[in-house]
Amino acid sequence: MLICGSYCKTEVTHSEILFQEFKKQPPYFPFDKREQWWVVVGDTKVNKLYGIKRTSLTETNVKLDIEAPSMKGKHELTLYVVSDSYVSTDYQYKLELNVV
């Protein structure tokens, strides 16, 4: 349970097999690019962003502070992991929060 408007720490654990860091040479980019990933928590029903962090995902744990929704009750948020280097490699997971 979370208190309205408070912050909580979220930890995302991933498999190193899925996220290996490589230098990319995009076809229309003048130099090598190091891939980055965005970890985002939001609610698509109300178009609200609760937390965002950019990471290279070289570590297996990513810590993200998210703000609890300001309304009491159950909230279904979505955690997105988005690549800035790959197409169709994004992940999304449902998070359920109970805010008091």
C-alpha atoms as a PDB file:
ATOM      1  CA  MET A   1       0.000   0.000   0.000  1.00  0.00           C
ATOM      2  CA  LEU A   2       1.107   3.521  -0.762  1.00  0.00           C
ATOM      3  CA  ILE A   3       0.072   6.903   0.593  1.00  0.00           C
ATOM      4  CA  CYS A   4      -1.363   9.400  -1.926  1.00  0.00           C
ATOM      5  CA  GLY A   5       1.343  11.535  -3.511  1.00  0.00           C
ATOM      6  CA  SER A   6       4.223   9.760  -1.739  1.00  0.00           C
ATOM      7  CA  TYR A   7       7.249   8.330  -3.529  1.00  0.00           C
ATOM      8  CA  CYS A   8       8.249   4.695  -3.596  1.00  0.00           C
ATOM      9  CA  LYS A   9      11.305   2.937  -4.897  1.00  0.00           C
ATOM     10  CA  THR A  10      10.791   0.429  -7.678  1.00  0.00           C
ATOM     11  CA  GLU A  11      13.467  -2.039  -8.689  1.00  0.00           C
ATOM     12  CA  VAL A  12      13.484  -3.616 -12.141  1.00  0.00           C
ATOM     13  CA  THR A  13      15.529  -6.791 -12.569  1.00  0.00           C
ATOM     14  CA  HIS A  14      16.384  -8.020 -16.043  1.00  0.00           C
ATOM     15  CA  SER A  15      18.268 -10.813 -17.730  1.00  0.00           C
ATOM     16  CA  GLU A  16      21.696  -9.946 -19.077  1.00  0.00           C
ATOM     17  CA  ILE A  17      21.030 -12.267 -22.002  1.00  0.00           C
ATOM     18  CA  LEU A  18      18.218 -10.004 -23.225  1.00  0.00           C
ATOM     19  CA  PHE A  19      20.095  -6.747 -22.694  1.00  0.00           C
ATOM     20  CA  GLN A  20      23.688  -6.909 -23.848  1.00  0.00           C
ATOM     21  CA  GLU A  21      25.355  -3.592 -24.462  1.00  0.00           C
ATOM     22  CA  PHE A  22      26.767  -3.130 -27.943  1.00  0.00           C
ATOM     23  CA  LYS A  23      27.883  -0.154 -29.955  1.00  0.00           C
ATOM     24  CA  LYS A  24      25.510   0.398 -32.834  1.00  0.00           C
ATOM     25  CA  GLN A  25      26.218   1.906 -36.219  1.00  0.00           C
ATOM     26  CA  PRO A  26      22.836   3.213 -37.339  1.00  0.00           C
ATOM     27  CA  PRO A  27      22.574   3.569 -41.128  1.00  0.00           C
ATOM     28  CA  TYR A  28      21.834   7.325 -41.116  1.00  0.00           C
ATOM     29  CA  PHE A  29      23.846   8.323 -38.053  1.00  0.00           C
ATOM     30  CA  PRO A  30      27.396   9.667 -38.532  1.00  0.00           C
ATOM     31  CA  PHE A  31      29.047   7.748 -35.671  1.00  0.00           C
ATOM     32  CA  ASP A  32      28.687   4.723 -33.390  1.00  0.00           C
ATOM     33  CA  LYS A  33      25.892   4.970 -30.868  1.00  0.00           C
ATOM     34  CA  ARG A  34      25.754   3.278 -27.496  1.00  0.00           C
ATOM     35  CA  GLU A  35      22.314   1.816 -26.901  1.00  0.00           C
ATOM     36  CA  GLN A  36      20.178   3.229 -24.116  1.00  0.00           C
ATOM     37  CA  TRP A  37      16.977   1.971 -22.546  1.00  0.00           C
ATOM     38  CA  TRP A  38      14.163   3.928 -20.898  1.00  0.00           C
ATOM     39  CA  VAL A  39      12.283   2.515 -17.918  1.00  0.00           C
ATOM     40  CA  VAL A  40       8.915   4.282 -17.675  1.00  0.00           C
ATOM     41  CA  VAL A  41       5.941   3.869 -15.309  1.00  0.00           C
ATOM     42  CA  GLY A  42       2.650   5.412 -16.365  1.00  0.00           C
ATOM     43  CA  ASP A  43      -1.120   5.151 -16.503  1.00  0.00           C
ATOM     44  CA  THR A  44      -2.521   5.114 -20.032  1.00  0.00           C
ATOM     45  CA  LYS A  45      -6.105   5.654 -18.843  1.00  0.00           C
ATOM     46  CA  VAL A  46      -5.354   9.151 -17.538  1.00  0.00           C
ATOM     47  CA  ASN A  47      -2.191   9.841 -19.609  1.00  0.00           C
ATOM     48  CA  LYS A  48      -0.071  10.296 -16.474  1.00  0.00           C
ATOM     49  CA  LEU A  49       3.646   9.589 -16.120  1.00  0.00           C
ATOM     50  CA  TYR A  50       4.764   8.494 -12.636  1.00  0.00           C
ATOM     51  CA  GLY A  51       8.440   7.736 -13.189  1.00  0.00           C
ATOM     52  CA  ILE A  52      11.088   7.651 -15.901  1.00  0.00           C
ATOM     53  CA  LYS A  53      14.764   6.711 -15.975  1.00  0.00           C
ATOM     54  CA  ARG A  54      17.313   6.286 -18.763  1.00  0.00           C
ATOM     55  CA  THR A  55      19.802   3.475 -18.353  1.00  0.00           C
ATOM     56  CA  SER A  56      22.266   1.412 -20.331  1.00  0.00           C
ATOM     57  CA  LEU A  57      21.070  -1.698 -18.462  1.00  0.00           C
ATOM     58  CA  THR A  58      24.596  -2.993 -17.953  1.00  0.00           C
ATOM     59  CA  GLU A  59      23.576  -3.788 -14.378  1.00  0.00           C
ATOM     60  CA  THR A  60      20.923  -6.373 -13.620  1.00  0.00           C
ATOM     61  CA  ASN A  61      18.944  -4.026 -11.330  1.00  0.00           C
ATOM     62  CA  VAL A  62      17.573  -0.602 -12.196  1.00  0.00           C
ATOM     63  CA  LYS A  63      16.129   1.515  -9.366  1.00  0.00           C
ATOM     64  CA  LEU A  64      13.362   3.955 -10.204  1.00  0.00           C
ATOM     65  CA  ASP A  65      11.495   6.346  -7.892  1.00  0.00           C
ATOM     66  CA  ILE A  66       7.834   6.645  -8.777  1.00  0.00           C
ATOM     67  CA  GLU A  67       5.227   9.004  -7.385  1.00  0.00           C
ATOM     68  CA  ALA A  68       2.090   7.342  -6.043  1.00  0.00           C
ATOM     69  CA  PRO A  69      -1.169   8.401  -7.704  1.00  0.00           C
ATOM     70  CA  SER A  70      -2.946  11.279  -5.956  1.00  0.00           C
ATOM     71  CA  MET A  71      -6.308   9.466  -5.786  1.00  0.00           C
ATOM     72  CA  LYS A  72      -7.046   6.700  -3.283  1.00  0.00           C
ATOM     73  CA  GLY A  73      -7.931   3.220  -4.468  1.00  0.00           C
ATOM     74  CA  LYS A  74      -6.526   0.559  -6.762  1.00  0.00           C
ATOM     75  CA  HIS A  75      -4.542   1.730  -9.756  1.00  0.00           C
ATOM     76  CA  GLU A  76      -3.309  -0.345 -12.669  1.00  0.00           C
ATOM     77  CA  LEU A  77      -0.083   1.171 -13.966  1.00  0.00           C
ATOM     78  CA  THR A  78       2.154  -0.049 -16.754  1.00  0.00           C
ATOM     79  CA  LEU A  79       5.926  -0.436 -16.602  1.00  0.00           C
ATOM     80  CA  TYR A  80       7.554   0.051 -20.001  1.00  0.00           C
ATOM     81  CA  VAL A  81      11.126  -0.808 -20.990  1.00  0.00           C
ATOM     82  CA  VAL A  82      11.855   0.997 -24.261  1.00  0.00           C
ATOM     83  CA  SER A  83      14.975   0.845 -26.431  1.00  0.00           C
ATOM     84  CA  ASP A  84      16.300   3.849 -28.318  1.00  0.00           C
ATOM     85  CA  SER A  85      18.296   1.582 -30.637  1.00  0.00           C
ATOM     86  CA  TYR A  86      16.083  -1.364 -31.533  1.00  0.00           C
ATOM     87  CA  VAL A  87      12.693  -1.636 -33.193  1.00  0.00           C
ATOM     88  CA  SER A  88      10.063  -3.972 -31.684  1.00  0.00           C
ATOM     89  CA  THR A  89      12.079  -4.787 -28.564  1.00  0.00           C
ATOM     90  CA  ASP A  90       9.944  -2.851 -26.095  1.00  0.00           C
ATOM     91  CA  TYR A  91       8.505  -4.614 -23.061  1.00  0.00           C
ATOM     92  CA  GLN A  92       5.507  -3.745 -20.915  1.00  0.00           C
ATOM     93  CA  TYR A  93       4.305  -5.157 -17.617  1.00  0.00           C
ATOM     94  CA  LYS A  94       1.216  -4.421 -15.519  1.00  0.00           C
ATOM     95  CA  LEU A  95       1.656  -3.044 -11.983  1.00  0.00           C
ATOM     96  CA  GLU A  96      -1.196  -2.906  -9.488  1.00  0.00           C
ATOM     97  CA  LEU A  97      -0.964  -0.331  -6.695  1.00  0.00           C
ATOM     98  CA  ASN A  98      -3.295   0.131  -3.741  1.00  0.00           C
ATOM     99  CA  VAL A  99      -3.159   3.783  -2.646  1.00  0.00           C
ATOM    100  CA  VAL A 100      -4.500   4.814   0.777  1.00  0.00           C
END
